[in-house]
Amino acid sequence: MKIEEIIFDEDNKTLFLIDDIQLKADAIRYSILPKIDLIINETISRLMEIFEFDFYQNYSLTKSPHFRLSKTQRKEPTKYDYKSAGISIGGQRKGNK
């Protein structure tokens, strides 16, 4: 999928209205976050090309919601009721950065 083809529509919006917290988290994980991932990755690639620098040397990405474990590895179901999804850019968490 190309960045120009990504659309967030009413169907995506209604995912945040799902009452079942686990179902909502999974819907966000598999429907919304992949689109946001494509957008941020394309943006980073363009920045690196234009400004000729290694983005990942100094910056990091934070995803929300962040799913560290796969569904089969989780010991407990999701407890947090997600109201939004996004990816943010921040500095690396190292003393010299």
PDB file of N, CA and C in Angstrom:
ATOM      1  N   MET A   1       0.841  -1.179   0.000  1.00  0.00           N
ATOM      2  CA  MET A   1       0.000   0.000   0.000  1.00  0.00           C
ATOM      3  C   MET A   1       0.885   1.241   0.000  1.00  0.00           C
ATOM      4  N   LYS A   2       0.506   2.217  -0.805  1.00  0.00           N
ATOM      5  CA  LYS A   2       1.231   3.480  -0.868  1.00  0.00           C
ATOM      6  C   LYS A   2       0.618   4.461   0.122  1.00  0.00           C
ATOM      7  N   ILE A   3       1.446   5.398   0.560  1.00  0.00           N
ATOM      8  CA  ILE A   3       0.990   6.384   1.544  1.00  0.00           C
ATOM      9  C   ILE A   3      -0.212   7.174   1.014  1.00  0.00           C
ATOM     10  N   GLU A   4      -0.246   7.398  -0.283  1.00  0.00           N
ATOM     11  CA  GLU A   4      -1.347   8.143  -0.887  1.00  0.00           C
ATOM     12  C   GLU A   4      -2.663   7.373  -0.846  1.00  0.00           C
ATOM     13  N   GLU A   5      -2.601   6.069  -0.643  1.00  0.00           N
ATOM     14  CA  GLU A   5      -3.791   5.222  -0.629  1.00  0.00           C
ATOM     15  C   GLU A   5      -4.372   5.029   0.771  1.00  0.00           C
ATOM     16  N   ILE A   6      -3.681   5.520   1.777  1.00  0.00           N
ATOM     17  CA  ILE A   6      -4.135   5.322   3.156  1.00  0.00           C
ATOM     18  C   ILE A   6      -5.278   6.276   3.463  1.00  0.00           C
ATOM     19  N   ILE A   7      -6.343   5.706   3.964  1.00  0.00           N
ATOM     20  CA  ILE A   7      -7.528   6.487   4.317  1.00  0.00           C
ATOM     21  C   ILE A   7      -7.990   6.068   5.705  1.00  0.00           C
ATOM     22  N   PHE A   8      -8.260   7.045   6.525  1.00  0.00           N
ATOM     23  CA  PHE A   8      -8.903   6.802   7.812  1.00  0.00           C
ATOM     24  C   PHE A   8     -10.343   7.258   7.654  1.00  0.00           C
ATOM     25  N   ASP A   9     -11.276   6.338   7.851  1.00  0.00           N
ATOM     26  CA  ASP A   9     -12.675   6.645   7.605  1.00  0.00           C
ATOM     27  C   ASP A   9     -13.531   6.381   8.847  1.00  0.00           C
ATOM     28  N   GLU A  10     -14.835   6.438   8.667  1.00  0.00           N
ATOM     29  CA  GLU A  10     -15.767   6.219   9.774  1.00  0.00           C
ATOM     30  C   GLU A  10     -15.605   4.825  10.388  1.00  0.00           C
ATOM     31  N   ASP A  11     -15.270   3.836   9.548  1.00  0.00           N
ATOM     32  CA  ASP A  11     -15.067   2.488  10.074  1.00  0.00           C
ATOM     33  C   ASP A  11     -13.924   2.458  11.081  1.00  0.00           C
ATOM     34  N   ASN A  12     -12.852   3.188  10.784  1.00  0.00           N
ATOM     35  CA  ASN A  12     -11.732   3.269  11.723  1.00  0.00           C
ATOM     36  C   ASN A  12     -12.153   3.990  13.002  1.00  0.00           C
ATOM     37  N   LYS A  13     -12.938   5.019  12.850  1.00  0.00           N
ATOM     38  CA  LYS A  13     -13.396   5.790  14.001  1.00  0.00           C
ATOM     39  C   LYS A  13     -14.256   4.938  14.939  1.00  0.00           C
ATOM     40  N   THR A  14     -15.098   4.108  14.352  1.00  0.00           N
ATOM     41  CA  THR A  14     -15.990   3.293  15.174  1.00  0.00           C
ATOM     42  C   THR A  14     -15.249   2.195  15.945  1.00  0.00           C
ATOM     43  N   LEU A  15     -14.031   1.869  15.543  1.00  0.00           N
ATOM     44  CA  LEU A  15     -13.262   0.865  16.290  1.00  0.00           C
ATOM     45  C   LEU A  15     -13.042   1.300  17.739  1.00  0.00           C
ATOM     46  N   PHE A  16     -12.957   2.612  17.960  1.00  0.00           N
ATOM     47  CA  PHE A  16     -12.732   3.127  19.308  1.00  0.00           C
ATOM     48  C   PHE A  16     -14.001   3.087  20.162  1.00  0.00           C
ATOM     49  N   LEU A  17     -15.123   2.735  19.543  1.00  0.00           N
ATOM     50  CA  LEU A  17     -16.390   2.653  20.266  1.00  0.00           C
ATOM     51  C   LEU A  17     -16.734   1.229  20.694  1.00  0.00           C
ATOM     52  N   ILE A  18     -15.901   0.276  20.354  1.00  0.00           N
ATOM     53  CA  ILE A  18     -16.142  -1.118  20.715  1.00  0.00           C
ATOM     54  C   ILE A  18     -16.100  -1.259  22.228  1.00  0.00           C
ATOM     55  N   ASP A  19     -17.100  -1.931  22.785  1.00  0.00           N
ATOM     56  CA  ASP A  19     -17.187  -2.090  24.236  1.00  0.00           C
ATOM     57  C   ASP A  19     -16.205  -3.110  24.793  1.00  0.00           C
ATOM     58  N   ASP A  20     -15.971  -4.186  24.069  1.00  0.00           N
ATOM     59  CA  ASP A  20     -15.061  -5.229  24.520  1.00  0.00           C
ATOM     60  C   ASP A  20     -13.626  -4.712  24.409  1.00  0.00           C
ATOM     61  N   ILE A  21     -12.954  -4.517  25.547  1.00  0.00           N
ATOM     62  CA  ILE A  21     -11.623  -3.898  25.586  1.00  0.00           C
ATOM     63  C   ILE A  21     -10.594  -4.701  24.788  1.00  0.00           C
ATOM     64  N   GLN A  22     -10.592  -6.021  24.917  1.00  0.00           N
ATOM     65  CA  GLN A  22      -9.637  -6.849  24.180  1.00  0.00           C
ATOM     66  C   GLN A  22      -9.902  -6.779  22.681  1.00  0.00           C
ATOM     67  N   LEU A  23     -11.151  -6.840  22.286  1.00  0.00           N
ATOM     68  CA  LEU A  23     -11.512  -6.757  20.874  1.00  0.00           C
ATOM     69  C   LEU A  23     -11.118  -5.396  20.293  1.00  0.00           C
ATOM     70  N   LYS A  24     -11.331  -4.342  21.076  1.00  0.00           N
ATOM     71  CA  LYS A  24     -10.948  -2.991  20.643  1.00  0.00           C
ATOM     72  C   LYS A  24      -9.439  -2.892  20.451  1.00  0.00           C
ATOM     73  N   ALA A  25      -8.681  -3.395  21.413  1.00  0.00           N
ATOM     74  CA  ALA A  25      -7.216  -3.350  21.319  1.00  0.00           C
ATOM     75  C   ALA A  25      -6.732  -4.107  20.090  1.00  0.00           C
ATOM     76  N   ASP A  26      -7.300  -5.273  19.836  1.00  0.00           N
ATOM     77  CA  ASP A  26      -6.912  -6.058  18.665  1.00  0.00           C
ATOM     78  C   ASP A  26      -7.292  -5.354  17.372  1.00  0.00           C
ATOM     79  N   ALA A  27      -8.453  -4.737  17.346  1.00  0.00           N
ATOM     80  CA  ALA A  27      -8.896  -4.008  16.149  1.00  0.00           C
ATOM     81  C   ALA A  27      -7.954  -2.841  15.853  1.00  0.00           C
ATOM     82  N   ILE A  28      -7.569  -2.104  16.882  1.00  0.00           N
ATOM     83  CA  ILE A  28      -6.626  -0.996  16.719  1.00  0.00           C
ATOM     84  C   ILE A  28      -5.283  -1.533  16.244  1.00  0.00           C
ATOM     85  N   ARG A  29      -4.842  -2.623  16.844  1.00  0.00           N
ATOM     86  CA  ARG A  29      -3.538  -3.208  16.510  1.00  0.00           C
ATOM     87  C   ARG A  29      -3.455  -3.633  15.048  1.00  0.00           C
ATOM     88  N   TYR A  30      -4.519  -4.219  14.533  1.00  0.00           N
ATOM     89  CA  TYR A  30      -4.455  -4.793  13.190  1.00  0.00           C
ATOM     90  C   TYR A  30      -5.072  -3.917  12.102  1.00  0.00           C
ATOM     91  N   SER A  31      -5.768  -2.859  12.480  1.00  0.00           N
ATOM     92  CA  SER A  31      -6.405  -2.008  11.468  1.00  0.00           C
ATOM     93  C   SER A  31      -5.796  -0.613  11.398  1.00  0.00           C
ATOM     94  N   ILE A  32      -5.635   0.026  12.531  1.00  0.00           N
ATOM     95  CA  ILE A  32      -5.186   1.422  12.554  1.00  0.00           C
ATOM     96  C   ILE A  32      -3.668   1.545  12.620  1.00  0.00           C
ATOM     97  N   LEU A  33      -3.025   0.810  13.530  1.00  0.00           N
ATOM     98  CA  LEU A  33      -1.568   0.938  13.680  1.00  0.00           C
ATOM     99  C   LEU A  33      -0.777   0.607  12.413  1.00  0.00           C
ATOM    100  N   PRO A  34      -1.167  -0.386  11.624  1.00  0.00           N
ATOM    101  CA  PRO A  34      -0.416  -0.629  10.384  1.00  0.00           C
ATOM    102  C   PRO A  34      -0.442   0.561   9.424  1.00  0.00           C
ATOM    103  N   LYS A  35      -1.558   1.265   9.375  1.00  0.00           N
ATOM    104  CA  LYS A  35      -1.650   2.457   8.517  1.00  0.00           C
ATOM    105  C   LYS A  35      -0.737   3.560   9.036  1.00  0.00           C
ATOM    106  N   ILE A  36      -0.766   3.762  10.357  1.00  0.00           N
ATOM    107  CA  ILE A  36       0.089   4.789  10.952  1.00  0.00           C
ATOM    108  C   ILE A  36       1.562   4.416  10.761  1.00  0.00           C
ATOM    109  N   ASP A  37       1.878   3.137  10.894  1.00  0.00           N
ATOM    110  CA  ASP A  37       3.248   2.665  10.654  1.00  0.00           C
ATOM    111  C   ASP A  37       3.724   3.018   9.245  1.00  0.00           C
ATOM    112  N   LEU A  38       2.881   2.775   8.256  1.00  0.00           N
ATOM    113  CA  LEU A  38       3.255   3.107   6.876  1.00  0.00           C
ATOM    114  C   LEU A  38       3.517   4.594   6.713  1.00  0.00           C
ATOM    115  N   ILE A  39       2.678   5.414   7.314  1.00  0.00           N
ATOM    116  CA  ILE A  39       2.828   6.868   7.211  1.00  0.00           C
ATOM    117  C   ILE A  39       4.133   7.321   7.856  1.00  0.00           C
ATOM    118  N   ILE A  40       4.404   6.863   9.077  1.00  0.00           N
ATOM    119  CA  ILE A  40       5.612   7.310   9.769  1.00  0.00           C
ATOM    120  C   ILE A  40       6.867   6.792   9.085  1.00  0.00           C
ATOM    121  N   ASN A  41       6.841   5.554   8.605  1.00  0.00           N
ATOM    122  CA  ASN A  41       8.015   5.008   7.921  1.00  0.00           C
ATOM    123  C   ASN A  41       8.305   5.761   6.626  1.00  0.00           C
ATOM    124  N   GLU A  42       7.284   6.113   5.883  1.00  0.00           N
ATOM    125  CA  GLU A  42       7.470   6.892   4.655  1.00  0.00           C
ATOM    126  C   GLU A  42       8.000   8.285   4.991  1.00  0.00           C
ATOM    127  N   THR A  43       7.461   8.881   6.040  1.00  0.00           N
ATOM    128  CA  THR A  43       7.919  10.207   6.464  1.00  0.00           C
ATOM    129  C   THR A  43       9.389  10.175   6.868  1.00  0.00           C
ATOM    130  N   ILE A  44       9.781   9.185   7.656  1.00  0.00           N
ATOM    131  CA  ILE A  44      11.171   9.058   8.083  1.00  0.00           C
ATOM    132  C   ILE A  44      12.081   8.836   6.880  1.00  0.00           C
ATOM    133  N   SER A  45      11.673   7.988   5.956  1.00  0.00           N
ATOM    134  CA  SER A  45      12.477   7.733   4.751  1.00  0.00           C
ATOM    135  C   SER A  45      12.693   9.016   3.957  1.00  0.00           C
ATOM    136  N   ARG A  46      11.644   9.806   3.826  1.00  0.00           N
ATOM    137  CA  ARG A  46      11.765  11.069   3.084  1.00  0.00           C
ATOM    138  C   ARG A  46      12.679  12.055   3.805  1.00  0.00           C
ATOM    139  N   LEU A  47      12.553  12.124   5.131  1.00  0.00           N
ATOM    140  CA  LEU A  47      13.429  13.010   5.907  1.00  0.00           C
ATOM    141  C   LEU A  47      14.887  12.602   5.767  1.00  0.00           C
ATOM    142  N   MET A  48      15.152  11.295   5.852  1.00  0.00           N
ATOM    143  CA  MET A  48      16.524  10.801   5.737  1.00  0.00           C
ATOM    144  C   MET A  48      17.094  11.091   4.349  1.00  0.00           C
ATOM    145  N   GLU A  49      16.259  10.970   3.342  1.00  0.00           N
ATOM    146  CA  GLU A  49      16.706  11.233   1.971  1.00  0.00           C
ATOM    147  C   GLU A  49      16.984  12.721   1.754  1.00  0.00           C
ATOM    148  N   ILE A  50      16.096  13.565   2.227  1.00  0.00           N
ATOM    149  CA  ILE A  50      16.235  15.007   2.015  1.00  0.00           C
ATOM    150  C   ILE A  50      17.396  15.585   2.823  1.00  0.00           C
ATOM    151  N   PHE A  51      17.469  15.218   4.104  1.00  0.00           N
ATOM    152  CA  PHE A  51      18.460  15.817   4.996  1.00  0.00           C
ATOM    153  C   PHE A  51      19.724  14.977   5.176  1.00  0.00           C
ATOM    154  N   GLU A  52      19.768  13.821   4.550  1.00  0.00           N
ATOM    155  CA  GLU A  52      20.941  12.951   4.553  1.00  0.00           C
ATOM    156  C   GLU A  52      21.477  12.696   5.970  1.00  0.00           C
ATOM    157  N   PHE A  53      20.648  12.086   6.788  1.00  0.00           N
ATOM    158  CA  PHE A  53      21.072  11.717   8.134  1.00  0.00           C
ATOM    159  C   PHE A  53      20.444  10.381   8.506  1.00  0.00           C
ATOM    160  N   ASP A  54      21.023   9.734   9.512  1.00  0.00           N
ATOM    161  CA  ASP A  54      20.504   8.460   9.994  1.00  0.00           C
ATOM    162  C   ASP A  54      19.534   8.737  11.132  1.00  0.00           C
ATOM    163  N   PHE A  55      18.274   8.684  10.845  1.00  0.00           N
ATOM    164  CA  PHE A  55      17.223   8.982  11.812  1.00  0.00           C
ATOM    165  C   PHE A  55      17.378   8.145  13.079  1.00  0.00           C
ATOM    166  N   TYR A  56      17.598   6.856  12.891  1.00  0.00           N
ATOM    167  CA  TYR A  56      17.609   5.929  14.026  1.00  0.00           C
ATOM    168  C   TYR A  56      18.845   6.038  14.908  1.00  0.00           C
ATOM    169  N   GLN A  57      19.812   6.833  14.509  1.00  0.00           N
ATOM    170  CA  GLN A  57      20.992   7.038  15.336  1.00  0.00           C
ATOM    171  C   GLN A  57      20.669   7.941  16.526  1.00  0.00           C
ATOM    172  N   ASN A  58      19.741   8.882  16.333  1.00  0.00           N
ATOM    173  CA  ASN A  58      19.443   9.854  17.377  1.00  0.00           C
ATOM    174  C   ASN A  58      18.008   9.865  17.865  1.00  0.00           C
ATOM    175  N   TYR A  59      17.118   9.231  17.137  1.00  0.00           N
ATOM    176  CA  TYR A  59      15.702   9.303  17.470  1.00  0.00           C
ATOM    177  C   TYR A  59      15.101   7.925  17.662  1.00  0.00           C
ATOM    178  N   SER A  60      13.965   7.896  18.341  1.00  0.00           N
ATOM    179  CA  SER A  60      13.246   6.648  18.536  1.00  0.00           C
ATOM    180  C   SER A  60      11.758   6.897  18.314  1.00  0.00           C
ATOM    181  N   LEU A  61      11.037   5.836  18.122  1.00  0.00           N
ATOM    182  CA  LEU A  61       9.597   5.917  17.922  1.00  0.00           C
ATOM    183  C   LEU A  61       8.889   5.292  19.114  1.00  0.00           C
ATOM    184  N   THR A  62       7.787   5.889  19.494  1.00  0.00           N
ATOM    185  CA  THR A  62       6.949   5.352  20.547  1.00  0.00           C
ATOM    186  C   THR A  62       5.566   5.123  19.970  1.00  0.00           C
ATOM    187  N   LYS A  63       5.086   3.897  20.086  1.00  0.00           N
ATOM    188  CA  LYS A  63       3.772   3.555  19.554  1.00  0.00           C
ATOM    189  C   LYS A  63       2.772   3.449  20.686  1.00  0.00           C
ATOM    190  N   SER A  64       1.579   3.929  20.411  1.00  0.00           N
ATOM    191  CA  SER A  64       0.499   3.816  21.382  1.00  0.00           C
ATOM    192  C   SER A  64      -0.772   3.429  20.643  1.00  0.00           C
ATOM    193  N   PRO A  65      -1.396   2.360  20.990  1.00  0.00           N
ATOM    194  CA  PRO A  65      -0.968   1.413  22.008  1.00  0.00           C
ATOM    195  C   PRO A  65       0.243   0.620  21.558  1.00  0.00           C
ATOM    196  N   HIS A  66       1.030   0.190  22.532  1.00  0.00           N
ATOM    197  CA  HIS A  66       2.237  -0.582  22.241  1.00  0.00           C
ATOM    198  C   HIS A  66       2.017  -2.004  22.741  1.00  0.00           C
ATOM    199  N   PHE A  67       2.066  -2.935  21.820  1.00  0.00           N
ATOM    200  CA  PHE A  67       1.855  -4.331  22.168  1.00  0.00           C
ATOM    201  C   PHE A  67       3.196  -5.038  22.154  1.00  0.00           C
ATOM    202  N   ARG A  68       3.764  -5.253  23.307  1.00  0.00           N
ATOM    203  CA  ARG A  68       5.088  -5.858  23.401  1.00  0.00           C
ATOM    204  C   ARG A  68       5.055  -7.354  23.144  1.00  0.00           C
ATOM    205  N   LEU A  69       3.995  -7.977  23.547  1.00  0.00           N
ATOM    206  CA  LEU A  69       3.887  -9.414  23.387  1.00  0.00           C
ATOM    207  C   LEU A  69       2.788  -9.741  22.383  1.00  0.00           C
ATOM    208  N   SER A  70       2.964 -10.841  21.694  1.00  0.00           N
ATOM    209  CA  SER A  70       1.910 -11.278  20.789  1.00  0.00           C
ATOM    210  C   SER A  70       0.734 -11.775  21.617  1.00  0.00           C
ATOM    211  N   LYS A  71      -0.392 -11.902  20.977  1.00  0.00           N
ATOM    212  CA  LYS A  71      -1.601 -12.327  21.667  1.00  0.00           C
ATOM    213  C   LYS A  71      -1.410 -13.682  22.353  1.00  0.00           C
ATOM    214  N   THR A  72      -0.656 -14.569  21.741  1.00  0.00           N
ATOM    215  CA  THR A  72      -0.446 -15.901  22.318  1.00  0.00           C
ATOM    216  C   THR A  72       0.547 -15.876  23.476  1.00  0.00           C
ATOM    217  N   GLN A  73       1.404 -14.865  23.559  1.00  0.00           N
ATOM    218  CA  GLN A  73       2.402 -14.770  24.628  1.00  0.00           C
ATOM    219  C   GLN A  73       1.867 -14.059  25.879  1.00  0.00           C
ATOM    220  N   ARG A  74       0.813 -13.272  25.719  1.00  0.00           N
ATOM    221  CA  ARG A  74       0.266 -12.520  26.849  1.00  0.00           C
ATOM    222  C   ARG A  74      -0.292 -13.468  27.899  1.00  0.00           C
ATOM    223  N   LYS A  75      -0.029 -13.148  29.151  1.00  0.00           N
ATOM    224  CA  LYS A  75      -0.544 -13.968  30.242  1.00  0.00           C
ATOM    225  C   LYS A  75      -1.903 -13.471  30.707  1.00  0.00           C
ATOM    226  N   GLU A  76      -2.159 -12.190  30.500  1.00  0.00           N
ATOM    227  CA  GLU A  76      -3.435 -11.603  30.911  1.00  0.00           C
ATOM    228  C   GLU A  76      -4.024 -10.815  29.750  1.00  0.00           C
ATOM    229  N   PRO A  77      -5.340 -10.704  29.704  1.00  0.00           N
ATOM    230  CA  PRO A  77      -5.960  -9.909  28.638  1.00  0.00           C
ATOM    231  C   PRO A  77      -5.688  -8.417  28.831  1.00  0.00           C
ATOM    232  N   THR A  78      -5.858  -7.668  27.787  1.00  0.00           N
ATOM    233  CA  THR A  78      -5.681  -6.217  27.850  1.00  0.00           C
ATOM    234  C   THR A  78      -6.666  -5.623  28.847  1.00  0.00           C
ATOM    235  N   LYS A  79      -6.175  -4.719  29.688  1.00  0.00           N
ATOM    236  CA  LYS A  79      -7.026  -4.087  30.695  1.00  0.00           C
ATOM    237  C   LYS A  79      -7.300  -2.621  30.387  1.00  0.00           C
ATOM    238  N   TYR A  80      -6.453  -2.020  29.540  1.00  0.00           N
ATOM    239  CA  TYR A  80      -6.565  -0.592  29.268  1.00  0.00           C
ATOM    240  C   TYR A  80      -7.554  -0.342  28.131  1.00  0.00           C
ATOM    241  N   ASP A  81      -8.433   0.606  28.321  1.00  0.00           N
ATOM    242  CA  ASP A  81      -9.427   0.975  27.317  1.00  0.00           C
ATOM    243  C   ASP A  81      -8.859   2.103  26.447  1.00  0.00           C
ATOM    244  N   TYR A  82      -8.309   1.736  25.295  1.00  0.00           N
ATOM    245  CA  TYR A  82      -7.643   2.701  24.422  1.00  0.00           C
ATOM    246  C   TYR A  82      -8.636   3.674  23.794  1.00  0.00           C
ATOM    247  N   LYS A  83      -8.310   4.946  23.874  1.00  0.00           N
ATOM    248  CA  LYS A  83      -9.146   6.001  23.296  1.00  0.00           C
ATOM    249  C   LYS A  83      -8.520   6.609  22.050  1.00  0.00           C
ATOM    250  N   SER A  84      -7.250   6.260  21.786  1.00  0.00           N
ATOM    251  CA  SER A  84      -6.544   6.808  20.629  1.00  0.00           C
ATOM    252  C   SER A  84      -5.422   5.874  20.230  1.00  0.00           C
ATOM    253  N   ALA A  85      -4.837   6.170  19.084  1.00  0.00           N
ATOM    254  CA  ALA A  85      -3.681   5.415  18.597  1.00  0.00           C
ATOM    255  C   ALA A  85      -2.743   6.403  17.925  1.00  0.00           C
ATOM    256  N   GLY A  86      -1.444   6.160  18.022  1.00  0.00           N
ATOM    257  CA  GLY A  86      -0.504   7.067  17.386  1.00  0.00           C
ATOM    258  C   GLY A  86       0.931   6.604  17.513  1.00  0.00           C
ATOM    259  N   ILE A  87       1.783   7.291  16.797  1.00  0.00           N
ATOM    260  CA  ILE A  87       3.221   7.051  16.874  1.00  0.00           C
ATOM    261  C   ILE A  87       3.887   8.411  17.034  1.00  0.00           C
ATOM    262  N   SER A  88       4.780   8.505  18.004  1.00  0.00           N
ATOM    263  CA  SER A  88       5.471   9.779  18.216  1.00  0.00           C
ATOM    264  C   SER A  88       6.978   9.577  18.069  1.00  0.00           C
ATOM    265  N   ILE A  89       7.647  10.673  17.738  1.00  0.00           N
ATOM    266  CA  ILE A  89       9.092  10.678  17.568  1.00  0.00           C
ATOM    267  C   ILE A  89       9.710  11.355  18.789  1.00  0.00           C
ATOM    268  N   GLY A  90      10.732  10.725  19.322  1.00  0.00           N
ATOM    269  CA  GLY A  90      11.418  11.297  20.481  1.00  0.00           C
ATOM    270  C   GLY A  90      12.903  11.025  20.396  1.00  0.00           C
ATOM    271  N   GLY A  91      13.659  11.601  21.295  1.00  0.00           N
ATOM    272  CA  GLY A  91      15.084  11.353  21.355  1.00  0.00           C
ATOM    273  C   GLY A  91      15.355   9.986  21.948  1.00  0.00           C
ATOM    274  N   GLN A  92      16.526   9.455  21.670  1.00  0.00           N
ATOM    275  CA  GLN A  92      16.896   8.171  22.259  1.00  0.00           C
ATOM    276  C   GLN A  92      17.123   8.347  23.744  1.00  0.00           C
ATOM    277  N   ARG A  93      16.865   7.296  24.472  1.00  0.00           N
ATOM    278  CA  ARG A  93      17.002   7.341  25.932  1.00  0.00           C
ATOM    279  C   ARG A  93      18.397   6.894  26.348  1.00  0.00           C
ATOM    280  N   LYS A  94      19.378   7.661  25.941  1.00  0.00           N
ATOM    281  CA  LYS A  94      20.765   7.393  26.320  1.00  0.00           C
ATOM    282  C   LYS A  94      21.329   8.684  26.903  1.00  0.00           C
ATOM    283  N   GLY A  95      22.260   8.541  27.792  1.00  0.00           N
ATOM    284  CA  GLY A  95      22.818   9.699  28.471  1.00  0.00           C
ATOM    285  C   GLY A  95      23.467  10.711  27.546  1.00  0.00           C
ATOM    286  N   ASN A  96      24.058  10.274  26.454  1.00  0.00           N
ATOM    287  CA  ASN A  96      24.774  11.195  25.579  1.00  0.00           C
ATOM    288  C   ASN A  96      23.907  11.705  24.423  1.00  0.00           C
ATOM    289  N   LYS A  97      22.629  11.447  24.436  1.00  0.00           N
ATOM    290  CA  LYS A  97      21.738  11.877  23.333  1.00  0.00           C
ATOM    291  C   LYS A  97      20.852  13.016  23.777  1.00  0.00           C
TER     292      LYS A  97
END
